[in-house]
Structures are given as structure tokens and as C-alpha cells.
Amino acid sequence: QVQLVESGGGLVQAGGSLRLSCAASGSFFVINDMGWYRQAPGKQRELVASVTSGGSTNYAVSLKGRFTISRDNAKNTVYLQMNSLKPEDTGVYSCNADVRSRTGFVSTSWGQGTQVTVSS
């Protein structure tokens, strides 16, 4: 169906910024919702942000406006701008996409994830 590849993760000091990218490729008709999730060691995966094909966004309340999700439909890419990073933001960040086929069938794909480490 669709393959998702994340990039942009790395090691950053507290207060710094990172911009994650996730590019979709493969066979699909249209991409509906796209989102970013993260999982810290010993914790459950949680939603960071999502964006619909129409541009509507949703964020985890705990982020308090520090993160911004956006997408470029022409490039089939979703971005996550992360500012004022905190050590508790450390984790594996994965993107996902809900893809619709020409027959209307919707499937969900996940990327392999990119590591984000915030040092104090």
C-alpha cells in the first residue's frame, strides 16, 4: 500500500528545536488523515498531533502549543515542528497515514520511527 519514512530526529538540548518529516510513497489513491505519535521507554504510545486532508489539526493537550503539524499534499509529506523541547519529549516518533483506495477502502500505515532525545 503505502510506505512511510521518517527523518529529522536526533539529539538536542532542552529548549532546542527539531523538525520531523515523513514522506509517503507507494500505491494509493489519496491520503486522508496523517499523524505523529511518540513512545517513551516504559510508556504507552501517545498521539502527538494529527492533520486531516483538509488541513484540520489536532494536538495533545500536554504539548501546550509547542508542536506544530503540517502537510504538503503535493509532496505527500507530513511535518512536525517541535520547539522548546523538554527531556520528557524523548522517545521514538512515528508517523502514520490513513490511505484510501480507489474503491473507498481505508488502511493505516506506520513508519519505522525516528529517535528524538532531549538532554537536560
C-alpha atoms as a PDB file:
ATOM      1  CA  GLN A   1       0.000   0.000   0.000  1.00  0.00           C
ATOM      2  CA  VAL A   2       1.932   2.985   1.301  1.00  0.00           C
ATOM      3  CA  GLN A   3       5.408   3.266   2.776  1.00  0.00           C
ATOM      4  CA  LEU A   4       6.257   5.963   5.299  1.00  0.00           C
ATOM      5  CA  VAL A   5       9.786   7.123   6.040  1.00  0.00           C
ATOM      6  CA  GLU A   6      10.528   9.494   8.906  1.00  0.00           C
ATOM      7  CA  SER A   7      13.547  11.732   9.191  1.00  0.00           C
ATOM      8  CA  GLY A   8      14.803  14.627  11.264  1.00  0.00           C
ATOM      9  CA  GLY A   9      15.234  13.021  14.652  1.00  0.00           C
ATOM     10  CA  GLY A  10      18.353  13.314  16.729  1.00  0.00           C
ATOM     11  CA  LEU A  11      19.906  14.560  19.932  1.00  0.00           C
ATOM     12  CA  VAL A  12      19.074  18.060  21.072  1.00  0.00           C
ATOM     13  CA  GLN A  13      19.427  20.048  24.274  1.00  0.00           C
ATOM     14  CA  ALA A  14      16.425  21.145  26.280  1.00  0.00           C
ATOM     15  CA  GLY A  15      14.902  24.257  24.792  1.00  0.00           C
ATOM     16  CA  GLY A  16      16.020  23.375  21.296  1.00  0.00           C
ATOM     17  CA  SER A  17      14.002  22.577  18.213  1.00  0.00           C
ATOM     18  CA  LEU A  18      13.656  19.780  15.707  1.00  0.00           C
ATOM     19  CA  ARG A  19      11.632  19.378  12.544  1.00  0.00           C
ATOM     20  CA  LEU A  20      10.495  15.885  11.675  1.00  0.00           C
ATOM     21  CA  SER A  21       9.438  14.842   8.202  1.00  0.00           C
ATOM     22  CA  CYS A  22       7.514  11.833   6.984  1.00  0.00           C
ATOM     23  CA  ALA A  23       7.283  11.092   3.289  1.00  0.00           C
ATOM     24  CA  ALA A  24       4.728   8.698   1.871  1.00  0.00           C
ATOM     25  CA  SER A  25       5.293   6.628  -1.231  1.00  0.00           C
ATOM     26  CA  GLY A  26       3.820   3.585  -2.896  1.00  0.00           C
ATOM     27  CA  SER A  27       0.487   2.680  -4.373  1.00  0.00           C
ATOM     28  CA  PHE A  28      -2.518   4.569  -3.084  1.00  0.00           C
ATOM     29  CA  PHE A  29      -5.293   6.830  -4.252  1.00  0.00           C
ATOM     30  CA  VAL A  30      -5.418   9.566  -1.654  1.00  0.00           C
ATOM     31  CA  ILE A  31      -4.101  10.071   1.842  1.00  0.00           C
ATOM     32  CA  ASN A  32      -6.687  11.057   4.384  1.00  0.00           C
ATOM     33  CA  ASP A  33      -5.519  11.739   7.928  1.00  0.00           C
ATOM     34  CA  MET A  34      -1.844  11.818   8.833  1.00  0.00           C
ATOM     35  CA  GLY A  35      -0.426  11.923  12.306  1.00  0.00           C
ATOM     36  CA  TRP A  36       2.545  11.754  14.614  1.00  0.00           C
ATOM     37  CA  TYR A  37       2.816   9.502  17.646  1.00  0.00           C
ATOM     38  CA  ARG A  38       5.559   9.018  20.172  1.00  0.00           C
ATOM     39  CA  GLN A  39       6.562   6.375  22.659  1.00  0.00           C
ATOM     40  CA  ALA A  40       8.956   6.855  25.540  1.00  0.00           C
ATOM     41  CA  PRO A  41      10.732   3.921  27.199  1.00  0.00           C
ATOM     42  CA  GLY A  42       8.357   2.124  29.528  1.00  0.00           C
ATOM     43  CA  LYS A  43       5.363   4.156  28.424  1.00  0.00           C
ATOM     44  CA  GLN A  44       2.467   3.674  26.053  1.00  0.00           C
ATOM     45  CA  ARG A  45       2.417   5.218  22.628  1.00  0.00           C
ATOM     46  CA  GLU A  46       0.573   8.504  22.591  1.00  0.00           C
ATOM     47  CA  LEU A  47      -0.810  10.802  19.957  1.00  0.00           C
ATOM     48  CA  VAL A  48       1.228  13.930  19.356  1.00  0.00           C
ATOM     49  CA  ALA A  49      -0.741  15.560  16.569  1.00  0.00           C
ATOM     50  CA  SER A  50      -2.802  14.764  13.518  1.00  0.00           C
ATOM     51  CA  VAL A  51      -3.937  16.596  10.430  1.00  0.00           C
ATOM     52  CA  THR A  52      -6.744  15.818   8.013  1.00  0.00           C
ATOM     53  CA  SER A  53      -6.593  16.064   4.256  1.00  0.00           C
ATOM     54  CA  GLY A  54      -8.461  19.347   4.584  1.00  0.00           C
ATOM     55  CA  GLY A  55      -5.916  20.810   6.968  1.00  0.00           C
ATOM     56  CA  SER A  56      -7.734  20.458  10.280  1.00  0.00           C
ATOM     57  CA  THR A  57      -5.307  19.748  13.116  1.00  0.00           C
ATOM     58  CA  ASN A  58      -5.488  18.105  16.499  1.00  0.00           C
ATOM     59  CA  TYR A  59      -2.862  18.213  19.253  1.00  0.00           C
ATOM     60  CA  ALA A  60      -2.218  16.522  22.528  1.00  0.00           C
ATOM     61  CA  VAL A  61      -3.182  18.947  25.270  1.00  0.00           C
ATOM     62  CA  SER A  62       0.035  18.303  27.173  1.00  0.00           C
ATOM     63  CA  LEU A  63       2.129  19.792  24.386  1.00  0.00           C
ATOM     64  CA  LYS A  64       0.758  23.247  25.191  1.00  0.00           C
ATOM     65  CA  GLY A  65       1.310  24.668  21.739  1.00  0.00           C
ATOM     66  CA  ARG A  66       4.985  23.756  21.442  1.00  0.00           C
ATOM     67  CA  PHE A  67       4.458  21.465  18.462  1.00  0.00           C
ATOM     68  CA  THR A  68       3.023  22.239  15.044  1.00  0.00           C
ATOM     69  CA  ILE A  69       1.905  19.699  12.466  1.00  0.00           C
ATOM     70  CA  SER A  70       1.608  20.499   8.787  1.00  0.00           C
ATOM     71  CA  ARG A  71       1.433  18.673   5.492  1.00  0.00           C
ATOM     72  CA  ASP A  72       2.367  19.189   1.887  1.00  0.00           C
ATOM     73  CA  ASN A  73      -0.075  17.211  -0.210  1.00  0.00           C
ATOM     74  CA  ALA A  74       1.925  17.749  -3.380  1.00  0.00           C
ATOM     75  CA  LYS A  75       4.892  16.030  -1.734  1.00  0.00           C
ATOM     76  CA  ASN A  76       2.821  13.507   0.246  1.00  0.00           C
ATOM     77  CA  THR A  77       4.720  14.628   3.302  1.00  0.00           C
ATOM     78  CA  VAL A  78       3.734  15.496   6.841  1.00  0.00           C
ATOM     79  CA  TYR A  79       5.913  17.567   9.159  1.00  0.00           C
ATOM     80  CA  LEU A  80       6.186  18.075  12.877  1.00  0.00           C
ATOM     81  CA  GLN A  81       7.871  21.230  14.106  1.00  0.00           C
ATOM     82  CA  MET A  82       8.947  20.783  17.715  1.00  0.00           C
ATOM     83  CA  ASN A  83      10.007  23.810  19.734  1.00  0.00           C
ATOM     84  CA  SER A  84      11.045  24.331  23.344  1.00  0.00           C
ATOM     85  CA  LEU A  85      11.846  20.668  23.667  1.00  0.00           C
ATOM     86  CA  LYS A  86      11.929  19.094  27.097  1.00  0.00           C
ATOM     87  CA  PRO A  87      13.583  15.899  28.343  1.00  0.00           C
ATOM     88  CA  GLU A  88      10.146  14.314  28.686  1.00  0.00           C
ATOM     89  CA  ASP A  89       9.724  14.706  24.923  1.00  0.00           C
ATOM     90  CA  THR A  90      12.323  11.989  24.449  1.00  0.00           C
ATOM     91  CA  GLY A  91      11.044   8.965  22.582  1.00  0.00           C
ATOM     92  CA  VAL A  92      10.531   7.289  19.258  1.00  0.00           C
ATOM     93  CA  TYR A  93       8.375   9.398  16.977  1.00  0.00           C
ATOM     94  CA  SER A  94       6.379   7.582  14.328  1.00  0.00           C
ATOM     95  CA  CYS A  95       4.105   8.884  11.639  1.00  0.00           C
ATOM     96  CA  ASN A  96       1.029   7.205  10.306  1.00  0.00           C
ATOM     97  CA  ALA A  97      -1.312   7.720   7.410  1.00  0.00           C
ATOM     98  CA  ASP A  98      -4.822   6.613   6.602  1.00  0.00           C
ATOM     99  CA  VAL A  99      -4.828   5.775   2.915  1.00  0.00           C
ATOM    100  CA  ARG A 100      -7.919   5.404   0.754  1.00  0.00           C
ATOM    101  CA  SER A 101      -8.022   3.197  -2.300  1.00  0.00           C
ATOM    102  CA  ARG A 102      -9.959   3.972  -5.447  1.00  0.00           C
ATOM    103  CA  THR A 103     -12.680   1.640  -4.209  1.00  0.00           C
ATOM    104  CA  GLY A 104     -13.028   3.509  -0.940  1.00  0.00           C
ATOM    105  CA  PHE A 105     -11.154   1.067   1.272  1.00  0.00           C
ATOM    106  CA  VAL A 106      -9.118   2.733   4.005  1.00  0.00           C
ATOM    107  CA  SER A 107      -5.989   1.245   5.524  1.00  0.00           C
ATOM    108  CA  THR A 108      -3.492   2.556   8.056  1.00  0.00           C
ATOM    109  CA  SER A 109       0.268   2.508   7.595  1.00  0.00           C
ATOM    110  CA  TRP A 110       3.081   3.254  10.023  1.00  0.00           C
ATOM    111  CA  GLY A 111       6.647   4.348   9.565  1.00  0.00           C
ATOM    112  CA  GLN A 112       9.587   2.769  11.366  1.00  0.00           C
ATOM    113  CA  GLY A 113      10.043   5.770  13.616  1.00  0.00           C
ATOM    114  CA  THR A 114      12.808   8.221  14.341  1.00  0.00           C
ATOM    115  CA  GLN A 115      14.523   8.691  17.690  1.00  0.00           C
ATOM    116  CA  VAL A 116      14.287  12.030  19.447  1.00  0.00           C
ATOM    117  CA  THR A 117      16.463  12.512  22.501  1.00  0.00           C
ATOM    118  CA  VAL A 118      16.328  15.690  24.552  1.00  0.00           C
ATOM    119  CA  SER A 119      19.085  16.186  27.082  1.00  0.00           C
ATOM    120  CA  SER A 120      18.921  18.424  30.129  1.00  0.00           C
END
